[in-house]
Amino acid sequence: MNTNIEIANSQPSLNQITQKIIGETCNQVTFSYGDELLLDFGEMTAYDHPKLRDLRKGTWQLSTRATNFDLRKVYPMFFSSYFKNPMYPTKRRLRLLENKKLTDFVIDSDNFKLTLSFECGYELILEPDLEDDSGLAYWELMMPNEQILIVGPGLFWECKSIHEPY
């Protein structure tokens, strides 16, 4: 089933799809070609292809595609207010997310900004450039049920089988 939906009319459906990843542990943070950020959540398994047998993947895989990101540490203060300290998202610092549970997955319906909250007060914020004309998705989420959620470009998202052609 292929679903191509404009975000303004679909927030409940999008949240239903993404809520299942909450509580999963981020087991691996890597970069692929073009410095695309990849996060692997859940149980780690070997790839099926023989040439990739030394690599492992999570049951959930989030890739940033054409999206900038920031890593932040949230510090609890008095009266439940927070002070956010932006951290330069170096590859070494992003590894701080490894072995941390995902506690929230929030999508801003106005601009597809994605905020991933983790244990120990870390937040990874993906901020798409809505004016980017590369035609690339802002981010993608591979799910354990052989579905892929493709978000962007523009204010559209699509959820489909990984076996369907792009």
N, C-alpha and C. Protein backbone atom coordinates (compact mmCIF):
# COMPACT_ATOMS: atom_id res chain seq x y z
N MET A 1 0.84 -1.18 0.00
CA MET A 1 0.00 0.00 0.00
C MET A 1 0.89 1.24 0.00
N ASN A 2 0.65 2.14 -0.89
CA ASN A 2 1.42 3.36 -1.03
C ASN A 2 0.55 4.52 -0.57
N THR A 3 1.05 5.28 0.39
CA THR A 3 0.31 6.41 0.92
C THR A 3 1.14 7.67 0.74
N ASN A 4 0.66 8.62 -0.06
CA ASN A 4 1.34 9.89 -0.27
C ASN A 4 0.39 10.97 0.22
N ILE A 5 0.74 11.61 1.34
CA ILE A 5 -0.20 12.46 2.04
C ILE A 5 0.43 13.80 2.37
N GLU A 6 -0.37 14.87 2.27
CA GLU A 6 0.10 16.18 2.69
C GLU A 6 0.03 16.24 4.21
N ILE A 7 1.06 16.79 4.84
CA ILE A 7 1.16 16.77 6.30
C ILE A 7 0.00 17.48 7.00
N ALA A 8 -0.50 18.56 6.47
CA ALA A 8 -1.53 19.35 7.15
C ALA A 8 -2.76 18.51 7.48
N ASN A 9 -3.06 17.50 6.69
CA ASN A 9 -4.25 16.69 6.90
C ASN A 9 -3.95 15.33 7.53
N SER A 10 -2.72 15.14 8.02
CA SER A 10 -2.35 13.78 8.37
C SER A 10 -1.61 13.62 9.68
N GLN A 11 -1.56 14.62 10.52
CA GLN A 11 -0.76 14.52 11.74
C GLN A 11 -1.10 13.29 12.58
N PRO A 12 -2.36 12.96 12.83
CA PRO A 12 -2.64 11.76 13.63
C PRO A 12 -2.07 10.49 13.00
N SER A 13 -2.20 10.33 11.70
CA SER A 13 -1.68 9.13 11.04
C SER A 13 -0.17 9.06 11.13
N LEU A 14 0.50 10.18 10.92
CA LEU A 14 1.95 10.22 10.98
C LEU A 14 2.43 9.90 12.38
N ASN A 15 1.75 10.42 13.39
CA ASN A 15 2.12 10.12 14.77
C ASN A 15 1.89 8.64 15.09
N GLN A 16 0.82 8.05 14.58
CA GLN A 16 0.57 6.63 14.82
C GLN A 16 1.71 5.77 14.25
N ILE A 17 2.20 6.14 13.08
CA ILE A 17 3.29 5.39 12.46
C ILE A 17 4.56 5.49 13.28
N THR A 18 4.88 6.69 13.75
CA THR A 18 6.18 6.92 14.39
C THR A 18 6.22 6.60 15.88
N GLN A 19 5.09 6.50 16.54
CA GLN A 19 5.10 6.29 17.99
C GLN A 19 5.68 4.92 18.38
N LYS A 20 5.67 3.97 17.48
CA LYS A 20 6.15 2.63 17.79
C LYS A 20 7.65 2.57 18.03
N ILE A 21 8.39 3.57 17.58
CA ILE A 21 9.85 3.58 17.77
C ILE A 21 10.23 4.08 19.17
N ILE A 22 9.32 4.79 19.82
CA ILE A 22 9.62 5.32 21.16
C ILE A 22 9.87 4.16 22.11
N GLY A 23 10.95 4.27 22.89
CA GLY A 23 11.34 3.22 23.81
C GLY A 23 12.45 2.33 23.26
N GLU A 24 12.71 2.43 21.96
CA GLU A 24 13.80 1.65 21.36
C GLU A 24 15.14 2.31 21.70
N THR A 25 16.19 1.51 21.74
CA THR A 25 17.53 2.00 22.03
C THR A 25 18.27 2.29 20.74
N CYS A 26 18.94 3.43 20.72
CA CYS A 26 19.80 3.78 19.58
C CYS A 26 21.11 3.01 19.76
N ASN A 27 21.34 2.02 18.92
CA ASN A 27 22.51 1.16 19.08
C ASN A 27 23.69 1.55 18.21
N GLN A 28 23.44 2.37 17.20
CA GLN A 28 24.53 2.69 16.28
C GLN A 28 24.27 4.05 15.62
N VAL A 29 25.30 4.89 15.60
CA VAL A 29 25.26 6.18 14.89
C VAL A 29 26.40 6.16 13.89
N THR A 30 26.05 6.27 12.61
CA THR A 30 27.07 6.24 11.56
C THR A 30 26.77 7.31 10.51
N PHE A 31 27.70 7.46 9.61
CA PHE A 31 27.53 8.35 8.46
C PHE A 31 27.75 7.55 7.20
N SER A 32 26.91 7.76 6.20
CA SER A 32 27.08 7.09 4.92
C SER A 32 27.70 8.08 3.95
N TYR A 33 27.68 7.73 2.69
CA TYR A 33 28.20 8.62 1.66
C TYR A 33 27.54 9.99 1.76
N GLY A 34 28.29 11.02 1.48
CA GLY A 34 27.74 12.37 1.55
C GLY A 34 27.45 12.83 2.96
N ASP A 35 28.03 12.18 3.96
CA ASP A 35 27.81 12.52 5.37
C ASP A 35 26.35 12.50 5.77
N GLU A 36 25.60 11.55 5.22
CA GLU A 36 24.21 11.34 5.62
C GLU A 36 24.20 10.63 6.97
N LEU A 37 23.57 11.25 7.96
CA LEU A 37 23.51 10.69 9.31
C LEU A 37 22.54 9.52 9.35
N LEU A 38 22.99 8.40 9.92
CA LEU A 38 22.16 7.20 10.04
C LEU A 38 22.12 6.78 11.51
N LEU A 39 20.93 6.53 12.03
CA LEU A 39 20.78 6.03 13.39
C LEU A 39 20.04 4.70 13.32
N ASP A 40 20.58 3.71 14.00
CA ASP A 40 19.98 2.38 14.05
C ASP A 40 19.42 2.14 15.45
N PHE A 41 18.14 1.76 15.48
CA PHE A 41 17.43 1.52 16.74
C PHE A 41 16.99 0.06 16.80
N GLY A 42 16.85 -0.44 18.01
CA GLY A 42 16.32 -1.80 18.19
C GLY A 42 17.39 -2.86 18.01
N GLU A 43 16.91 -4.08 17.90
CA GLU A 43 17.81 -5.23 17.76
C GLU A 43 18.68 -5.09 16.51
N MET A 44 19.97 -5.36 16.67
CA MET A 44 20.92 -5.27 15.57
C MET A 44 21.07 -6.64 14.91
N THR A 45 20.98 -6.65 13.59
CA THR A 45 21.13 -7.89 12.82
C THR A 45 22.07 -7.64 11.65
N ALA A 46 22.60 -8.72 11.11
CA ALA A 46 23.47 -8.61 9.94
C ALA A 46 22.63 -8.34 8.70
N TYR A 47 23.23 -7.65 7.74
CA TYR A 47 22.57 -7.45 6.45
C TYR A 47 22.48 -8.78 5.73
N ASP A 48 21.50 -8.92 4.85
CA ASP A 48 21.30 -10.16 4.10
C ASP A 48 22.33 -10.35 2.99
N HIS A 49 22.79 -9.26 2.41
CA HIS A 49 23.70 -9.34 1.27
C HIS A 49 25.09 -9.81 1.72
N PRO A 50 25.69 -10.78 1.01
CA PRO A 50 27.00 -11.33 1.41
C PRO A 50 28.12 -10.28 1.49
N LYS A 51 28.08 -9.27 0.64
CA LYS A 51 29.12 -8.24 0.66
C LYS A 51 29.00 -7.32 1.87
N LEU A 52 27.86 -7.34 2.54
CA LEU A 52 27.64 -6.49 3.71
C LEU A 52 27.61 -7.30 5.00
N ARG A 53 28.07 -8.54 4.97
CA ARG A 53 27.92 -9.44 6.11
C ARG A 53 28.64 -8.95 7.37
N ASP A 54 29.64 -8.09 7.23
CA ASP A 54 30.35 -7.58 8.41
C ASP A 54 29.65 -6.38 9.03
N LEU A 55 28.62 -5.87 8.36
CA LEU A 55 27.89 -4.70 8.86
C LEU A 55 26.59 -5.13 9.55
N ARG A 56 26.14 -4.29 10.48
CA ARG A 56 24.91 -4.60 11.21
C ARG A 56 23.94 -3.43 11.06
N LYS A 57 22.65 -3.73 11.16
CA LYS A 57 21.61 -2.72 11.05
C LYS A 57 20.59 -2.94 12.15
N GLY A 58 19.90 -1.86 12.50
CA GLY A 58 18.86 -1.95 13.51
C GLY A 58 17.53 -2.31 12.88
N THR A 59 16.59 -2.75 13.70
CA THR A 59 15.25 -3.05 13.17
C THR A 59 14.56 -1.77 12.72
N TRP A 60 14.97 -0.63 13.25
CA TRP A 60 14.52 0.69 12.82
C TRP A 60 15.76 1.44 12.36
N GLN A 61 15.67 2.12 11.21
CA GLN A 61 16.80 2.91 10.71
C GLN A 61 16.30 4.29 10.29
N LEU A 62 16.88 5.32 10.87
CA LEU A 62 16.55 6.70 10.52
C LEU A 62 17.72 7.30 9.76
N SER A 63 17.45 7.84 8.58
CA SER A 63 18.50 8.51 7.81
C SER A 63 18.07 9.95 7.55
N THR A 64 19.04 10.86 7.62
CA THR A 64 18.71 12.28 7.56
C THR A 64 18.58 12.82 6.15
N ARG A 65 19.13 12.15 5.18
CA ARG A 65 19.07 12.61 3.79
C ARG A 65 19.51 14.06 3.67
N ALA A 66 18.66 14.96 3.17
CA ALA A 66 19.04 16.35 2.87
C ALA A 66 18.63 17.28 4.00
N THR A 67 19.04 16.98 5.22
CA THR A 67 18.57 17.74 6.37
C THR A 67 19.70 18.08 7.33
N ASN A 68 19.73 19.33 7.77
CA ASN A 68 20.68 19.74 8.81
C ASN A 68 20.20 19.21 10.15
N PHE A 69 21.13 19.07 11.09
CA PHE A 69 20.77 18.57 12.40
C PHE A 69 21.61 19.24 13.47
N ASP A 70 21.06 19.27 14.68
CA ASP A 70 21.74 19.78 15.87
C ASP A 70 21.59 18.77 16.98
N LEU A 71 22.62 18.65 17.79
CA LEU A 71 22.56 17.83 18.99
C LEU A 71 22.55 18.77 20.18
N ARG A 72 21.61 18.56 21.09
CA ARG A 72 21.50 19.42 22.26
C ARG A 72 21.44 18.58 23.51
N LYS A 73 21.88 19.17 24.58
CA LYS A 73 21.76 18.56 25.90
C LYS A 73 20.83 19.44 26.70
N VAL A 74 19.76 18.87 27.24
CA VAL A 74 18.78 19.61 28.01
C VAL A 74 19.13 19.44 29.49
N TYR A 75 19.26 20.56 30.18
CA TYR A 75 19.61 20.54 31.59
C TYR A 75 18.38 20.91 32.42
N PRO A 76 17.94 20.03 33.33
CA PRO A 76 16.81 20.39 34.19
C PRO A 76 17.19 21.57 35.10
N MET A 77 16.27 22.48 35.23
CA MET A 77 16.47 23.65 36.10
C MET A 77 15.31 23.68 37.10
N PHE A 78 15.23 24.73 37.86
CA PHE A 78 14.15 24.87 38.82
C PHE A 78 12.81 24.98 38.11
N PHE A 79 11.78 24.49 38.74
CA PHE A 79 10.40 24.60 38.27
C PHE A 79 10.20 24.02 36.87
N SER A 80 10.90 22.98 36.55
CA SER A 80 10.75 22.25 35.28
C SER A 80 11.02 23.10 34.04
N SER A 81 11.75 24.18 34.17
CA SER A 81 12.15 24.90 32.98
C SER A 81 13.49 24.33 32.53
N TYR A 82 13.85 24.59 31.28
CA TYR A 82 15.04 23.97 30.73
C TYR A 82 15.95 25.02 30.10
N PHE A 83 17.24 24.75 30.20
CA PHE A 83 18.24 25.55 29.51
C PHE A 83 18.83 24.65 28.44
N LYS A 84 18.76 25.07 27.19
CA LYS A 84 19.26 24.24 26.10
C LYS A 84 20.63 24.74 25.69
N ASN A 85 21.56 23.83 25.66
CA ASN A 85 22.93 24.14 25.30
C ASN A 85 23.24 23.48 23.96
N PRO A 86 23.22 24.25 22.85
CA PRO A 86 23.52 23.63 21.56
C PRO A 86 24.94 23.08 21.54
N MET A 87 25.10 21.91 20.97
CA MET A 87 26.41 21.28 20.85
C MET A 87 26.73 21.17 19.37
N TYR A 88 27.97 21.48 19.02
CA TYR A 88 28.36 21.30 17.63
C TYR A 88 28.28 19.82 17.31
N PRO A 89 27.47 19.42 16.33
CA PRO A 89 27.22 17.99 16.10
C PRO A 89 28.35 17.26 15.38
N THR A 90 29.48 17.13 16.05
CA THR A 90 30.57 16.37 15.46
C THR A 90 30.23 14.89 15.50
N LYS A 91 30.90 14.12 14.68
CA LYS A 91 30.65 12.68 14.66
C LYS A 91 30.90 12.07 16.04
N ARG A 92 31.92 12.54 16.73
CA ARG A 92 32.23 11.99 18.05
C ARG A 92 31.11 12.30 19.05
N ARG A 93 30.60 13.52 19.02
CA ARG A 93 29.54 13.88 19.95
C ARG A 93 28.24 13.15 19.65
N LEU A 94 27.96 12.92 18.38
CA LEU A 94 26.74 12.19 18.04
C LEU A 94 26.76 10.76 18.57
N ARG A 95 27.95 10.23 18.79
CA ARG A 95 28.04 8.87 19.35
C ARG A 95 27.55 8.83 20.79
N LEU A 96 27.35 10.00 21.41
CA LEU A 96 26.76 10.04 22.75
C LEU A 96 25.35 9.46 22.76
N LEU A 97 24.70 9.44 21.59
CA LEU A 97 23.34 8.89 21.50
C LEU A 97 23.31 7.37 21.53
N GLU A 98 24.45 6.75 21.27
CA GLU A 98 24.48 5.28 21.26
C GLU A 98 24.18 4.74 22.65
N ASN A 99 23.38 3.69 22.68
CA ASN A 99 22.95 3.01 23.89
C ASN A 99 22.01 3.84 24.75
N LYS A 100 21.40 4.85 24.14
CA LYS A 100 20.40 5.66 24.83
C LYS A 100 19.03 5.32 24.26
N LYS A 101 18.04 5.24 25.16
CA LYS A 101 16.66 4.99 24.72
C LYS A 101 16.03 6.25 24.17
N LEU A 102 15.25 6.07 23.13
CA LEU A 102 14.48 7.16 22.54
C LEU A 102 13.25 7.37 23.42
N THR A 103 13.07 8.59 23.92
CA THR A 103 11.96 8.87 24.82
C THR A 103 10.83 9.66 24.15
N ASP A 104 11.13 10.30 23.00
CA ASP A 104 10.08 11.01 22.29
C ASP A 104 10.49 11.22 20.84
N PHE A 105 9.50 11.30 19.97
CA PHE A 105 9.68 11.46 18.52
C PHE A 105 8.61 12.44 18.07
N VAL A 106 8.98 13.72 17.93
CA VAL A 106 8.01 14.78 17.69
C VAL A 106 8.25 15.42 16.33
N ILE A 107 7.20 15.47 15.52
CA ILE A 107 7.27 16.07 14.19
C ILE A 107 6.45 17.36 14.21
N ASP A 108 7.09 18.47 13.85
CA ASP A 108 6.39 19.75 13.75
C ASP A 108 5.67 19.79 12.41
N SER A 109 4.36 19.88 12.44
CA SER A 109 3.58 19.80 11.20
C SER A 109 3.72 21.04 10.32
N ASP A 110 4.30 22.10 10.84
CA ASP A 110 4.48 23.31 10.03
C ASP A 110 5.69 23.24 9.10
N ASN A 111 6.71 22.47 9.51
CA ASN A 111 7.95 22.50 8.74
C ASN A 111 8.72 21.17 8.72
N PHE A 112 8.13 20.11 9.23
CA PHE A 112 8.76 18.78 9.30
C PHE A 112 9.99 18.73 10.19
N LYS A 113 10.17 19.72 11.04
CA LYS A 113 11.25 19.66 12.02
C LYS A 113 10.99 18.45 12.90
N LEU A 114 12.00 17.63 13.07
CA LEU A 114 11.87 16.40 13.86
C LEU A 114 12.75 16.53 15.09
N THR A 115 12.16 16.32 16.26
CA THR A 115 12.92 16.34 17.50
C THR A 115 12.90 14.95 18.10
N LEU A 116 14.08 14.37 18.23
CA LEU A 116 14.24 13.07 18.86
C LEU A 116 14.79 13.31 20.26
N SER A 117 14.07 12.88 21.28
CA SER A 117 14.53 13.03 22.65
C SER A 117 15.03 11.68 23.15
N PHE A 118 16.16 11.72 23.87
CA PHE A 118 16.81 10.51 24.36
C PHE A 118 17.00 10.59 25.87
N GLU A 119 17.29 9.44 26.45
CA GLU A 119 17.66 9.39 27.86
C GLU A 119 18.82 10.35 28.11
N CYS A 120 18.99 10.74 29.33
CA CYS A 120 20.08 11.60 29.78
C CYS A 120 19.98 13.01 29.21
N GLY A 121 18.81 13.39 28.70
CA GLY A 121 18.59 14.77 28.29
C GLY A 121 19.12 15.17 26.93
N TYR A 122 19.45 14.21 26.08
CA TYR A 122 19.92 14.56 24.73
C TYR A 122 18.74 14.74 23.78
N GLU A 123 18.88 15.71 22.89
CA GLU A 123 17.91 15.93 21.82
C GLU A 123 18.65 16.05 20.50
N LEU A 124 18.18 15.32 19.51
CA LEU A 124 18.69 15.45 18.15
C LEU A 124 17.57 16.12 17.36
N ILE A 125 17.88 17.26 16.76
CA ILE A 125 16.87 18.04 16.05
C ILE A 125 17.24 18.08 14.58
N LEU A 126 16.34 17.57 13.74
CA LEU A 126 16.52 17.60 12.29
C LEU A 126 15.69 18.75 11.75
N GLU A 127 16.33 19.68 11.06
CA GLU A 127 15.64 20.87 10.56
C GLU A 127 15.74 20.95 9.04
N PRO A 128 14.73 20.46 8.34
CA PRO A 128 14.75 20.50 6.87
C PRO A 128 14.69 21.93 6.34
N ASP A 129 15.30 22.12 5.20
CA ASP A 129 15.21 23.38 4.47
C ASP A 129 14.09 23.22 3.45
N LEU A 130 12.95 23.82 3.72
CA LEU A 130 11.79 23.64 2.86
C LEU A 130 11.99 24.24 1.47
N GLU A 131 13.01 25.08 1.31
CA GLU A 131 13.29 25.69 0.01
C GLU A 131 14.35 24.92 -0.78
N ASP A 132 14.86 23.84 -0.21
CA ASP A 132 15.85 23.00 -0.89
C ASP A 132 15.19 22.37 -2.12
N ASP A 133 15.80 22.53 -3.27
CA ASP A 133 15.21 21.99 -4.50
C ASP A 133 15.95 20.76 -5.02
N SER A 134 16.65 20.05 -4.12
CA SER A 134 17.41 18.87 -4.54
C SER A 134 16.50 17.70 -4.92
N GLY A 135 15.26 17.72 -4.44
CA GLY A 135 14.35 16.62 -4.70
C GLY A 135 14.52 15.44 -3.75
N LEU A 136 15.47 15.54 -2.82
CA LEU A 136 15.70 14.47 -1.86
C LEU A 136 14.72 14.56 -0.70
N ALA A 137 14.40 13.41 -0.14
CA ALA A 137 13.59 13.37 1.07
C ALA A 137 14.37 14.06 2.20
N TYR A 138 13.65 14.65 3.14
CA TYR A 138 14.31 15.28 4.28
C TYR A 138 14.87 14.23 5.23
N TRP A 139 14.06 13.23 5.50
CA TRP A 139 14.52 12.10 6.30
C TRP A 139 13.64 10.89 6.00
N GLU A 140 14.19 9.73 6.30
CA GLU A 140 13.47 8.46 6.05
C GLU A 140 13.59 7.57 7.27
N LEU A 141 12.53 6.81 7.52
CA LEU A 141 12.51 5.88 8.64
C LEU A 141 12.15 4.50 8.10
N MET A 142 13.12 3.58 8.15
CA MET A 142 12.87 2.18 7.80
C MET A 142 12.33 1.50 9.05
N MET A 143 11.23 0.77 8.88
CA MET A 143 10.54 0.16 10.01
C MET A 143 10.66 -1.36 9.95
N PRO A 144 10.48 -2.03 11.07
CA PRO A 144 10.63 -3.48 11.10
C PRO A 144 9.58 -4.25 10.29
N ASN A 145 8.49 -3.62 9.93
CA ASN A 145 7.43 -4.30 9.17
C ASN A 145 7.64 -4.16 7.66
N GLU A 146 8.89 -3.92 7.25
CA GLU A 146 9.25 -3.76 5.83
C GLU A 146 8.55 -2.59 5.17
N GLN A 147 8.30 -1.55 5.96
CA GLN A 147 7.73 -0.30 5.47
C GLN A 147 8.80 0.78 5.59
N ILE A 148 8.67 1.80 4.75
CA ILE A 148 9.55 2.96 4.85
C ILE A 148 8.69 4.21 4.86
N LEU A 149 9.00 5.09 5.80
CA LEU A 149 8.35 6.40 5.88
C LEU A 149 9.31 7.39 5.25
N ILE A 150 8.86 8.05 4.19
CA ILE A 150 9.68 9.03 3.47
C ILE A 150 9.04 10.39 3.70
N VAL A 151 9.80 11.31 4.27
CA VAL A 151 9.28 12.63 4.61
C VAL A 151 9.97 13.69 3.74
N GLY A 152 9.16 14.43 2.97
CA GLY A 152 9.66 15.45 2.06
C GLY A 152 10.01 14.82 0.73
N PRO A 153 10.38 15.63 -0.25
CA PRO A 153 10.50 17.09 -0.16
C PRO A 153 9.13 17.75 -0.16
N GLY A 154 9.15 19.01 0.23
CA GLY A 154 7.89 19.73 0.39
C GLY A 154 7.18 19.24 1.63
N LEU A 155 5.93 19.62 1.78
CA LEU A 155 5.16 19.23 2.96
C LEU A 155 4.37 17.95 2.70
N PHE A 156 5.06 16.95 2.18
CA PHE A 156 4.43 15.67 1.89
C PHE A 156 5.23 14.55 2.54
N TRP A 157 4.52 13.48 2.87
CA TRP A 157 5.18 12.27 3.33
C TRP A 157 4.51 11.07 2.69
N GLU A 158 5.23 9.96 2.72
CA GLU A 158 4.75 8.74 2.07
C GLU A 158 5.20 7.55 2.91
N CYS A 159 4.31 6.60 3.10
CA CYS A 159 4.64 5.37 3.79
C CYS A 159 4.32 4.23 2.84
N LYS A 160 5.32 3.40 2.55
CA LYS A 160 5.10 2.33 1.59
C LYS A 160 6.00 1.14 1.90
N SER A 161 5.77 0.05 1.21
CA SER A 161 6.59 -1.14 1.34
C SER A 161 7.99 -0.87 0.81
N ILE A 162 8.98 -1.46 1.45
CA ILE A 162 10.35 -1.30 0.94
C ILE A 162 10.54 -2.02 -0.38
N HIS A 163 9.59 -2.86 -0.76
CA HIS A 163 9.69 -3.61 -2.01
C HIS A 163 9.12 -2.84 -3.20
N GLU A 164 8.44 -1.73 -2.94
CA GLU A 164 7.91 -0.89 -4.02
C GLU A 164 9.04 -0.02 -4.56
N PRO A 165 9.04 0.23 -5.86
CA PRO A 165 10.09 1.10 -6.41
C PRO A 165 9.92 2.54 -5.94
N TYR A 166 11.05 3.26 -5.90
CA TYR A 166 11.00 4.68 -5.53
C TYR A 166 10.25 5.38 -6.56
